Amino acid sequence: MESGASLSIISIKWIIMKKLIILSLLTVPLAVISIPAKAFTQKEKQAVDELLLVTGEGNIGKEIIENFIPELSKILKDSHPSLDDKALYIVEEEIWATAKSNNYYDTRIKNAFYKIYYKHLTLDEVEQLIEFYRSPLGKKTLEIQPHIEKGAFSTGEKIGRSMAQQIVKNVIKRLKSEGYEIN
């Protein structure tokens, strides 16, 4: 290598494969795999595409790839500190080339979304969702949803910690009452 970085092909492949496995598990739930193949009509596809656009998820595939690049670059840089910026740029180029050549961030992800939505909703329901998200209340819902999720996550974390502390106290108390020596 020109940069003097010593990387084994096997270690790079292993890191990339591990990251791709994690990425695929996050982006295409296993439930989708079990859904029998169904040919979606053009109208069904257009409705989900429109719903994704209305909800701001229209570029989800591209966003997944964009989020994957720094994660993989960090893993490679952490495991091979001698990698220079040129090597990390090559990593980014290869990720995009692979994603584009295999239609990962367009066709494959969209097809996964079609399966997910139509497993749970009818075309009419998808169209109603589009109508809702175009309404003032729907737009407001999209605007505040991240704040609601953040608040719910934070609250859930606090409640969980509090509950865990109480559970530990109760378990220790119970074990002591049963004759176990607990410090």
N, C-alpha and C. Protein backbone atom coordinates (compact mmCIF):
# COMPACT_ATOMS: atom_id res chain seq x y z
N MET A 1 0.84 -1.19 0.00
CA MET A 1 0.00 0.00 0.00
C MET A 1 0.88 1.24 0.00
N GLU A 2 0.46 2.24 -0.73
CA GLU A 2 1.25 3.46 -0.82
C GLU A 2 1.32 4.18 0.51
N SER A 3 0.26 4.20 1.26
CA SER A 3 0.21 4.96 2.51
C SER A 3 0.98 4.29 3.63
N GLY A 4 1.42 3.08 3.42
CA GLY A 4 2.13 2.38 4.47
C GLY A 4 1.21 1.68 5.45
N ALA A 5 -0.09 1.81 5.26
CA ALA A 5 -1.05 1.16 6.15
C ALA A 5 -1.02 -0.33 5.87
N SER A 6 -0.98 -1.12 6.92
CA SER A 6 -0.95 -2.56 6.71
C SER A 6 -2.29 -3.15 7.14
N LEU A 7 -3.10 -3.44 6.15
CA LEU A 7 -4.42 -4.02 6.40
C LEU A 7 -4.47 -5.39 5.76
N SER A 8 -5.01 -6.32 6.47
CA SER A 8 -5.20 -7.60 5.82
C SER A 8 -6.56 -7.58 5.16
N ILE A 9 -6.64 -8.17 3.99
CA ILE A 9 -7.89 -8.23 3.25
C ILE A 9 -8.94 -8.94 4.09
N ILE A 10 -8.56 -9.96 4.79
CA ILE A 10 -9.50 -10.73 5.60
C ILE A 10 -10.09 -9.86 6.71
N SER A 11 -9.26 -9.04 7.37
CA SER A 11 -9.80 -8.22 8.45
C SER A 11 -10.75 -7.16 7.91
N ILE A 12 -10.45 -6.59 6.75
CA ILE A 12 -11.36 -5.61 6.15
C ILE A 12 -12.66 -6.29 5.77
N LYS A 13 -12.58 -7.46 5.13
CA LYS A 13 -13.80 -8.18 4.75
C LYS A 13 -14.63 -8.52 5.97
N TRP A 14 -13.98 -8.96 7.04
CA TRP A 14 -14.71 -9.33 8.25
C TRP A 14 -15.43 -8.12 8.83
N ILE A 15 -14.75 -6.99 8.91
CA ILE A 15 -15.35 -5.78 9.46
C ILE A 15 -16.53 -5.35 8.60
N ILE A 16 -16.34 -5.35 7.29
CA ILE A 16 -17.42 -4.93 6.39
C ILE A 16 -18.59 -5.90 6.49
N MET A 17 -18.32 -7.20 6.48
CA MET A 17 -19.40 -8.18 6.56
C MET A 17 -20.17 -8.04 7.87
N LYS A 18 -19.45 -7.87 8.97
CA LYS A 18 -20.11 -7.72 10.26
C LYS A 18 -21.02 -6.49 10.25
N LYS A 19 -20.54 -5.39 9.70
CA LYS A 19 -21.32 -4.16 9.64
C LYS A 19 -22.51 -4.33 8.71
N LEU A 20 -22.33 -4.99 7.59
CA LEU A 20 -23.43 -5.20 6.66
C LEU A 20 -24.51 -6.11 7.25
N ILE A 21 -24.09 -7.09 8.01
CA ILE A 21 -25.07 -7.96 8.66
C ILE A 21 -25.90 -7.15 9.64
N ILE A 22 -25.24 -6.32 10.44
CA ILE A 22 -25.96 -5.48 11.39
C ILE A 22 -26.88 -4.53 10.64
N LEU A 23 -26.37 -3.91 9.58
CA LEU A 23 -27.18 -2.99 8.79
C LEU A 23 -28.39 -3.68 8.20
N SER A 24 -28.20 -4.88 7.66
CA SER A 24 -29.34 -5.56 7.06
C SER A 24 -30.37 -5.96 8.11
N LEU A 25 -29.93 -6.32 9.30
CA LEU A 25 -30.88 -6.67 10.35
C LEU A 25 -31.67 -5.45 10.81
N LEU A 26 -31.04 -4.28 10.74
CA LEU A 26 -31.74 -3.07 11.15
C LEU A 26 -32.68 -2.54 10.09
N THR A 27 -32.33 -2.74 8.81
CA THR A 27 -33.13 -2.12 7.75
C THR A 27 -34.20 -3.02 7.17
N VAL A 28 -34.03 -4.32 7.26
CA VAL A 28 -35.04 -5.23 6.72
C VAL A 28 -35.40 -6.22 7.81
N PRO A 29 -36.42 -5.92 8.58
CA PRO A 29 -36.79 -6.81 9.68
C PRO A 29 -37.02 -8.24 9.19
N LEU A 30 -36.70 -9.17 10.05
CA LEU A 30 -36.84 -10.58 9.68
C LEU A 30 -38.26 -10.95 9.31
N ALA A 31 -39.23 -10.23 9.86
CA ALA A 31 -40.63 -10.51 9.53
C ALA A 31 -40.90 -10.34 8.05
N VAL A 32 -40.18 -9.42 7.41
CA VAL A 32 -40.39 -9.18 5.98
C VAL A 32 -39.98 -10.41 5.18
N ILE A 33 -38.94 -11.09 5.62
CA ILE A 33 -38.45 -12.25 4.89
C ILE A 33 -39.50 -13.34 4.83
N SER A 34 -40.32 -13.45 5.88
CA SER A 34 -41.31 -14.52 5.93
C SER A 34 -42.58 -14.21 5.15
N ILE A 35 -42.71 -12.99 4.66
CA ILE A 35 -43.90 -12.63 3.90
C ILE A 35 -43.79 -13.25 2.51
N PRO A 36 -44.82 -13.96 2.06
CA PRO A 36 -44.76 -14.53 0.73
C PRO A 36 -44.60 -13.42 -0.32
N ALA A 37 -43.88 -13.76 -1.38
CA ALA A 37 -43.65 -12.78 -2.44
C ALA A 37 -44.99 -12.37 -3.03
N LYS A 38 -45.17 -11.08 -3.21
CA LYS A 38 -46.39 -10.55 -3.78
C LYS A 38 -45.99 -9.50 -4.79
N ALA A 39 -46.62 -9.55 -5.92
CA ALA A 39 -46.38 -8.50 -6.91
C ALA A 39 -47.28 -7.33 -6.56
N PHE A 40 -46.66 -6.21 -6.23
CA PHE A 40 -47.43 -5.03 -5.88
C PHE A 40 -47.80 -4.28 -7.14
N THR A 41 -49.01 -3.75 -7.15
CA THR A 41 -49.45 -2.97 -8.31
C THR A 41 -48.70 -1.65 -8.33
N GLN A 42 -48.69 -1.03 -9.48
CA GLN A 42 -48.05 0.28 -9.61
C GLN A 42 -48.70 1.28 -8.66
N LYS A 43 -50.01 1.19 -8.51
CA LYS A 43 -50.74 2.10 -7.62
C LYS A 43 -50.30 1.88 -6.16
N GLU A 44 -50.13 0.62 -5.76
CA GLU A 44 -49.68 0.33 -4.39
C GLU A 44 -48.27 0.89 -4.16
N LYS A 45 -47.39 0.68 -5.13
CA LYS A 45 -46.02 1.18 -5.01
C LYS A 45 -46.01 2.71 -4.93
N GLN A 46 -46.77 3.34 -5.81
CA GLN A 46 -46.82 4.80 -5.82
C GLN A 46 -47.36 5.36 -4.51
N ALA A 47 -48.35 4.68 -3.93
CA ALA A 47 -48.92 5.14 -2.67
C ALA A 47 -47.88 5.09 -1.55
N VAL A 48 -47.13 3.99 -1.44
CA VAL A 48 -46.10 3.90 -0.40
C VAL A 48 -44.99 4.90 -0.68
N ASP A 49 -44.58 5.04 -1.93
CA ASP A 49 -43.56 6.03 -2.28
C ASP A 49 -44.01 7.42 -1.86
N GLU A 50 -45.27 7.74 -2.12
CA GLU A 50 -45.82 9.05 -1.76
C GLU A 50 -45.88 9.20 -0.24
N LEU A 51 -46.29 8.15 0.45
CA LEU A 51 -46.33 8.21 1.91
C LEU A 51 -44.94 8.46 2.48
N LEU A 52 -43.94 7.78 1.93
CA LEU A 52 -42.57 7.98 2.39
C LEU A 52 -42.12 9.43 2.15
N LEU A 53 -42.50 9.99 1.01
CA LEU A 53 -42.16 11.39 0.72
C LEU A 53 -42.87 12.35 1.67
N VAL A 54 -44.17 12.13 1.87
CA VAL A 54 -44.96 13.01 2.73
C VAL A 54 -44.45 12.99 4.16
N THR A 55 -43.99 11.82 4.62
CA THR A 55 -43.52 11.69 6.00
C THR A 55 -42.03 12.03 6.15
N GLY A 56 -41.40 12.39 5.04
CA GLY A 56 -39.98 12.74 5.11
C GLY A 56 -39.05 11.56 5.05
N GLU A 57 -39.57 10.41 4.72
CA GLU A 57 -38.76 9.19 4.66
C GLU A 57 -38.46 8.78 3.22
N GLY A 58 -38.68 9.67 2.28
CA GLY A 58 -38.51 9.36 0.87
C GLY A 58 -37.10 8.99 0.48
N ASN A 59 -36.12 9.48 1.21
CA ASN A 59 -34.72 9.18 0.91
C ASN A 59 -34.11 8.25 1.95
N ILE A 60 -34.93 7.40 2.53
CA ILE A 60 -34.47 6.55 3.63
C ILE A 60 -33.29 5.67 3.23
N GLY A 61 -33.31 5.14 2.01
CA GLY A 61 -32.21 4.29 1.57
C GLY A 61 -30.91 5.05 1.52
N LYS A 62 -30.96 6.24 0.95
CA LYS A 62 -29.77 7.08 0.86
C LYS A 62 -29.29 7.45 2.26
N GLU A 63 -30.23 7.75 3.15
CA GLU A 63 -29.87 8.10 4.53
C GLU A 63 -29.21 6.93 5.25
N ILE A 64 -29.69 5.73 5.00
CA ILE A 64 -29.09 4.54 5.63
C ILE A 64 -27.63 4.42 5.19
N ILE A 65 -27.39 4.58 3.90
CA ILE A 65 -26.03 4.49 3.38
C ILE A 65 -25.17 5.63 3.96
N GLU A 66 -25.72 6.84 3.98
CA GLU A 66 -24.97 7.98 4.52
C GLU A 66 -24.61 7.78 5.98
N ASN A 67 -25.48 7.13 6.75
CA ASN A 67 -25.18 6.85 8.15
C ASN A 67 -24.21 5.69 8.30
N PHE A 68 -24.23 4.78 7.34
CA PHE A 68 -23.36 3.60 7.38
C PHE A 68 -21.90 3.98 7.12
N ILE A 69 -21.66 4.95 6.26
CA ILE A 69 -20.30 5.33 5.87
C ILE A 69 -19.46 5.75 7.08
N PRO A 70 -19.90 6.71 7.90
CA PRO A 70 -19.04 7.09 9.04
C PRO A 70 -18.88 5.96 10.06
N GLU A 71 -19.91 5.13 10.21
CA GLU A 71 -19.80 4.02 11.16
C GLU A 71 -18.72 3.04 10.72
N LEU A 72 -18.76 2.66 9.44
CA LEU A 72 -17.77 1.72 8.94
C LEU A 72 -16.39 2.36 8.94
N SER A 73 -16.30 3.63 8.56
CA SER A 73 -15.02 4.33 8.55
C SER A 73 -14.42 4.36 9.95
N LYS A 74 -15.25 4.60 10.96
CA LYS A 74 -14.77 4.64 12.34
C LYS A 74 -14.27 3.26 12.78
N ILE A 75 -15.01 2.23 12.44
CA ILE A 75 -14.59 0.86 12.79
C ILE A 75 -13.24 0.54 12.15
N LEU A 76 -13.12 0.86 10.86
CA LEU A 76 -11.86 0.60 10.17
C LEU A 76 -10.72 1.42 10.76
N LYS A 77 -10.98 2.70 11.04
CA LYS A 77 -9.95 3.58 11.59
C LYS A 77 -9.54 3.12 12.99
N ASP A 78 -10.52 2.70 13.81
CA ASP A 78 -10.21 2.21 15.16
C ASP A 78 -9.40 0.93 15.12
N SER A 79 -9.73 0.04 14.18
CA SER A 79 -9.02 -1.23 14.12
C SER A 79 -7.72 -1.14 13.33
N HIS A 80 -7.58 -0.10 12.51
CA HIS A 80 -6.37 0.11 11.72
C HIS A 80 -6.02 1.59 11.72
N PRO A 81 -5.45 2.09 12.84
CA PRO A 81 -5.18 3.52 13.00
C PRO A 81 -4.29 4.14 11.91
N SER A 82 -3.53 3.30 11.20
CA SER A 82 -2.64 3.85 10.18
C SER A 82 -3.37 4.21 8.88
N LEU A 83 -4.67 3.93 8.79
CA LEU A 83 -5.43 4.31 7.60
C LEU A 83 -5.44 5.82 7.45
N ASP A 84 -5.17 6.29 6.26
CA ASP A 84 -5.21 7.72 6.02
C ASP A 84 -6.55 8.12 5.40
N ASP A 85 -6.72 9.43 5.16
CA ASP A 85 -7.98 9.93 4.61
C ASP A 85 -8.27 9.36 3.23
N LYS A 86 -7.23 9.13 2.45
CA LYS A 86 -7.42 8.57 1.10
C LYS A 86 -8.05 7.18 1.20
N ALA A 87 -7.60 6.38 2.14
CA ALA A 87 -8.16 5.03 2.31
C ALA A 87 -9.62 5.11 2.73
N LEU A 88 -9.94 6.04 3.62
CA LEU A 88 -11.32 6.19 4.06
C LEU A 88 -12.21 6.71 2.93
N TYR A 89 -11.65 7.53 2.05
CA TYR A 89 -12.40 8.00 0.88
C TYR A 89 -12.69 6.83 -0.06
N ILE A 90 -11.72 5.92 -0.20
CA ILE A 90 -11.91 4.72 -1.02
C ILE A 90 -13.04 3.88 -0.45
N VAL A 91 -13.08 3.74 0.88
CA VAL A 91 -14.15 3.00 1.55
C VAL A 91 -15.50 3.61 1.18
N GLU A 92 -15.60 4.94 1.28
CA GLU A 92 -16.85 5.62 0.96
C GLU A 92 -17.24 5.41 -0.50
N GLU A 93 -16.28 5.51 -1.41
CA GLU A 93 -16.57 5.29 -2.83
C GLU A 93 -17.10 3.88 -3.09
N GLU A 94 -16.49 2.91 -2.44
CA GLU A 94 -16.90 1.52 -2.65
C GLU A 94 -18.28 1.24 -2.06
N ILE A 95 -18.59 1.85 -0.94
CA ILE A 95 -19.92 1.68 -0.36
C ILE A 95 -20.97 2.20 -1.33
N TRP A 96 -20.77 3.43 -1.85
CA TRP A 96 -21.73 4.02 -2.78
C TRP A 96 -21.82 3.20 -4.07
N ALA A 97 -20.67 2.77 -4.59
CA ALA A 97 -20.67 2.00 -5.84
C ALA A 97 -21.43 0.69 -5.67
N THR A 98 -21.21 0.03 -4.55
CA THR A 98 -21.90 -1.24 -4.28
C THR A 98 -23.40 -1.01 -4.10
N ALA A 99 -23.75 0.01 -3.34
CA ALA A 99 -25.17 0.30 -3.10
C ALA A 99 -25.88 0.63 -4.41
N LYS A 100 -25.26 1.42 -5.25
CA LYS A 100 -25.89 1.82 -6.51
C LYS A 100 -25.96 0.66 -7.50
N SER A 101 -24.89 -0.11 -7.59
CA SER A 101 -24.86 -1.18 -8.58
C SER A 101 -25.83 -2.31 -8.23
N ASN A 102 -26.14 -2.46 -6.98
CA ASN A 102 -27.05 -3.53 -6.55
C ASN A 102 -28.43 -3.01 -6.16
N ASN A 103 -28.70 -1.75 -6.44
CA ASN A 103 -29.99 -1.12 -6.13
C ASN A 103 -30.38 -1.26 -4.66
N TYR A 104 -29.40 -1.25 -3.76
CA TYR A 104 -29.72 -1.40 -2.35
C TYR A 104 -30.55 -0.24 -1.84
N TYR A 105 -30.13 0.97 -2.15
CA TYR A 105 -30.80 2.11 -1.51
C TYR A 105 -31.98 2.62 -2.31
N ASP A 106 -32.33 1.94 -3.35
CA ASP A 106 -33.51 2.34 -4.10
C ASP A 106 -34.48 1.17 -4.14
N THR A 107 -34.29 0.28 -5.04
CA THR A 107 -35.23 -0.81 -5.27
C THR A 107 -35.39 -1.74 -4.07
N ARG A 108 -34.31 -2.23 -3.54
CA ARG A 108 -34.40 -3.23 -2.47
C ARG A 108 -35.06 -2.67 -1.20
N ILE A 109 -34.67 -1.48 -0.81
CA ILE A 109 -35.26 -0.90 0.41
C ILE A 109 -36.72 -0.56 0.17
N LYS A 110 -37.02 0.01 -1.00
CA LYS A 110 -38.42 0.33 -1.30
C LYS A 110 -39.26 -0.95 -1.32
N ASN A 111 -38.76 -2.00 -1.93
CA ASN A 111 -39.51 -3.26 -1.95
C ASN A 111 -39.76 -3.78 -0.54
N ALA A 112 -38.78 -3.59 0.34
CA ALA A 112 -38.96 -3.99 1.74
C ALA A 112 -40.07 -3.17 2.38
N PHE A 113 -40.10 -1.87 2.09
CA PHE A 113 -41.16 -1.03 2.64
C PHE A 113 -42.54 -1.42 2.11
N TYR A 114 -42.62 -1.76 0.82
CA TYR A 114 -43.92 -2.20 0.27
C TYR A 114 -44.42 -3.40 1.06
N LYS A 115 -43.54 -4.36 1.31
CA LYS A 115 -43.93 -5.57 2.05
C LYS A 115 -44.36 -5.21 3.47
N ILE A 116 -43.61 -4.34 4.11
CA ILE A 116 -43.92 -3.97 5.49
C ILE A 116 -45.28 -3.27 5.57
N TYR A 117 -45.47 -2.27 4.73
CA TYR A 117 -46.73 -1.52 4.79
C TYR A 117 -47.93 -2.39 4.44
N TYR A 118 -47.82 -3.20 3.38
CA TYR A 118 -48.98 -3.97 2.96
C TYR A 118 -49.17 -5.26 3.76
N LYS A 119 -48.26 -5.55 4.64
CA LYS A 119 -48.50 -6.63 5.59
C LYS A 119 -49.52 -6.15 6.63
N HIS A 120 -49.50 -4.84 6.91
CA HIS A 120 -50.33 -4.30 7.98
C HIS A 120 -51.46 -3.39 7.51
N LEU A 121 -51.36 -2.87 6.30
CA LEU A 121 -52.32 -1.89 5.82
C LEU A 121 -52.83 -2.24 4.43
N THR A 122 -54.00 -1.75 4.13
CA THR A 122 -54.53 -1.89 2.77
C THR A 122 -54.12 -0.64 1.98
N LEU A 123 -54.30 -0.68 0.67
CA LEU A 123 -54.03 0.48 -0.16
C LEU A 123 -54.86 1.67 0.30
N ASP A 124 -56.13 1.42 0.60
CA ASP A 124 -57.01 2.49 1.07
C ASP A 124 -56.46 3.13 2.35
N GLU A 125 -55.97 2.31 3.25
CA GLU A 125 -55.43 2.85 4.52
C GLU A 125 -54.15 3.65 4.28
N VAL A 126 -53.31 3.20 3.35
CA VAL A 126 -52.11 3.97 3.01
C VAL A 126 -52.51 5.32 2.44
N GLU A 127 -53.51 5.32 1.57
CA GLU A 127 -53.99 6.58 0.99
C GLU A 127 -54.58 7.50 2.07
N GLN A 128 -55.25 6.92 3.06
CA GLN A 128 -55.77 7.72 4.16
C GLN A 128 -54.63 8.33 4.99
N LEU A 129 -53.57 7.56 5.17
CA LEU A 129 -52.41 8.09 5.89
C LEU A 129 -51.79 9.26 5.14
N ILE A 130 -51.69 9.14 3.81
CA ILE A 130 -51.16 10.24 3.01
C ILE A 130 -52.01 11.48 3.22
N GLU A 131 -53.32 11.29 3.15
CA GLU A 131 -54.25 12.41 3.35
C GLU A 131 -54.07 13.02 4.74
N PHE A 132 -53.94 12.16 5.75
CA PHE A 132 -53.75 12.65 7.11
C PHE A 132 -52.46 13.45 7.22
N TYR A 133 -51.33 12.90 6.72
CA TYR A 133 -50.05 13.59 6.87
C TYR A 133 -49.97 14.87 6.05
N ARG A 134 -50.86 15.05 5.11
CA ARG A 134 -50.93 16.31 4.36
C ARG A 134 -51.80 17.35 5.09
N SER A 135 -52.59 16.89 6.05
CA SER A 135 -53.47 17.81 6.79
C SER A 135 -52.64 18.59 7.81
N PRO A 136 -53.20 19.70 8.33
CA PRO A 136 -52.47 20.47 9.35
C PRO A 136 -52.08 19.61 10.57
N LEU A 137 -53.00 18.75 11.02
CA LEU A 137 -52.69 17.91 12.17
C LEU A 137 -51.59 16.90 11.82
N GLY A 138 -51.66 16.33 10.63
CA GLY A 138 -50.63 15.38 10.20
C GLY A 138 -49.27 16.03 10.12
N LYS A 139 -49.21 17.24 9.57
CA LYS A 139 -47.94 17.97 9.48
C LYS A 139 -47.40 18.28 10.88
N LYS A 140 -48.31 18.67 11.77
CA LYS A 140 -47.88 18.95 13.14
C LYS A 140 -47.37 17.67 13.81
N THR A 141 -48.06 16.56 13.57
CA THR A 141 -47.64 15.27 14.13
C THR A 141 -46.22 14.93 13.67
N LEU A 142 -45.93 15.10 12.39
CA LEU A 142 -44.59 14.83 11.87
C LEU A 142 -43.56 15.75 12.49
N GLU A 143 -43.96 16.99 12.74
CA GLU A 143 -43.05 17.97 13.31
C GLU A 143 -42.71 17.66 14.76
N ILE A 144 -43.70 17.23 15.54
CA ILE A 144 -43.47 17.02 16.97
C ILE A 144 -43.08 15.59 17.32
N GLN A 145 -43.27 14.66 16.39
CA GLN A 145 -43.01 13.24 16.67
C GLN A 145 -41.59 12.99 17.22
N PRO A 146 -40.55 13.58 16.64
CA PRO A 146 -39.21 13.34 17.20
C PRO A 146 -39.10 13.80 18.66
N HIS A 147 -39.76 14.89 19.00
CA HIS A 147 -39.72 15.40 20.37
C HIS A 147 -40.48 14.46 21.32
N ILE A 148 -41.60 13.94 20.84
CA ILE A 148 -42.39 13.00 21.64
C ILE A 148 -41.57 11.73 21.88
N GLU A 149 -40.95 11.21 20.82
CA GLU A 149 -40.15 10.00 20.95
C GLU A 149 -38.98 10.21 21.90
N LYS A 150 -38.31 11.36 21.78
CA LYS A 150 -37.18 11.67 22.66
C LYS A 150 -37.64 11.74 24.11
N GLY A 151 -38.77 12.42 24.34
CA GLY A 151 -39.31 12.52 25.70
C GLY A 151 -39.72 11.17 26.25
N ALA A 152 -40.37 10.37 25.41
CA ALA A 152 -40.81 9.04 25.84
C ALA A 152 -39.61 8.16 26.16
N PHE A 153 -38.57 8.24 25.34
CA PHE A 153 -37.37 7.44 25.58
C PHE A 153 -36.71 7.84 26.89
N SER A 154 -36.57 9.14 27.09
CA SER A 154 -35.95 9.66 28.31
C SER A 154 -36.75 9.26 29.54
N THR A 155 -38.07 9.42 29.47
CA THR A 155 -38.94 9.05 30.58
C THR A 155 -38.87 7.55 30.84
N GLY A 156 -38.90 6.77 29.78
CA GLY A 156 -38.81 5.32 29.92
C GLY A 156 -37.51 4.88 30.57
N GLU A 157 -36.43 5.56 30.19
CA GLU A 157 -35.13 5.26 30.79
C GLU A 157 -35.13 5.53 32.29
N LYS A 158 -35.68 6.68 32.68
CA LYS A 158 -35.73 7.05 34.10
C LYS A 158 -36.59 6.07 34.89
N ILE A 159 -37.75 5.75 34.35
CA ILE A 159 -38.64 4.80 35.02
C ILE A 159 -37.97 3.43 35.13
N GLY A 160 -37.30 3.03 34.04
CA GLY A 160 -36.61 1.73 34.04
C GLY A 160 -35.52 1.67 35.09
N ARG A 161 -34.72 2.75 35.21
CA ARG A 161 -33.66 2.78 36.22
C ARG A 161 -34.25 2.71 37.63
N SER A 162 -35.31 3.48 37.84
CA SER A 162 -35.96 3.50 39.15
C SER A 162 -36.52 2.11 39.47
N MET A 163 -37.17 1.50 38.49
CA MET A 163 -37.75 0.17 38.68
C MET A 163 -36.65 -0.85 38.96
N ALA A 164 -35.53 -0.74 38.25
CA ALA A 164 -34.42 -1.68 38.45
C ALA A 164 -33.89 -1.57 39.87
N GLN A 165 -33.76 -0.34 40.38
CA GLN A 165 -33.29 -0.15 41.75
C GLN A 165 -34.26 -0.80 42.75
N GLN A 166 -35.54 -0.60 42.53
CA GLN A 166 -36.55 -1.18 43.42
C GLN A 166 -36.53 -2.70 43.33
N ILE A 167 -36.37 -3.22 42.13
CA ILE A 167 -36.32 -4.69 41.96
C ILE A 167 -35.13 -5.26 42.72
N VAL A 168 -33.95 -4.61 42.60
CA VAL A 168 -32.76 -5.09 43.31
C VAL A 168 -33.02 -5.09 44.81
N LYS A 169 -33.59 -4.01 45.33
CA LYS A 169 -33.90 -3.94 46.77
C LYS A 169 -34.85 -5.07 47.17
N ASN A 170 -35.91 -5.27 46.40
CA ASN A 170 -36.89 -6.31 46.72
C ASN A 170 -36.29 -7.71 46.65
N VAL A 171 -35.45 -7.95 45.65
CA VAL A 171 -34.81 -9.27 45.50
C VAL A 171 -33.89 -9.53 46.69
N ILE A 172 -33.08 -8.54 47.03
CA ILE A 172 -32.17 -8.70 48.17
C ILE A 172 -32.96 -8.96 49.45
N LYS A 173 -34.00 -8.18 49.67
CA LYS A 173 -34.83 -8.35 50.86
C LYS A 173 -35.43 -9.75 50.90
N ARG A 174 -35.96 -10.19 49.76
CA ARG A 174 -36.59 -11.52 49.70
C ARG A 174 -35.57 -12.63 49.92
N LEU A 175 -34.41 -12.51 49.26
CA LEU A 175 -33.38 -13.55 49.43
C LEU A 175 -32.91 -13.62 50.88
N LYS A 176 -32.76 -12.47 51.53
CA LYS A 176 -32.36 -12.46 52.93
C LYS A 176 -33.43 -13.12 53.79
N SER A 177 -34.72 -12.84 53.48
CA SER A 177 -35.79 -13.44 54.26
C SER A 177 -35.86 -14.95 54.04
N GLU A 178 -35.33 -15.44 52.94
CA GLU A 178 -35.31 -16.87 52.64
C GLU A 178 -34.05 -17.54 53.20
N GLY A 179 -33.21 -16.75 53.88
CA GLY A 179 -32.04 -17.31 54.51
C GLY A 179 -30.73 -17.19 53.73
N TYR A 180 -30.76 -16.52 52.61
CA TYR A 180 -29.53 -16.34 51.85
C TYR A 180 -28.74 -15.18 52.43
N GLU A 181 -27.41 -15.34 52.42
CA GLU A 181 -26.54 -14.26 52.91
C GLU A 181 -26.20 -13.36 51.73
N ILE A 182 -26.64 -12.14 51.81
CA ILE A 182 -26.42 -11.15 50.76
C ILE A 182 -25.71 -9.97 51.38
N ASN A 183 -24.62 -9.53 50.73
CA ASN A 183 -23.89 -8.35 51.22
C ASN A 183 -24.36 -7.11 50.54
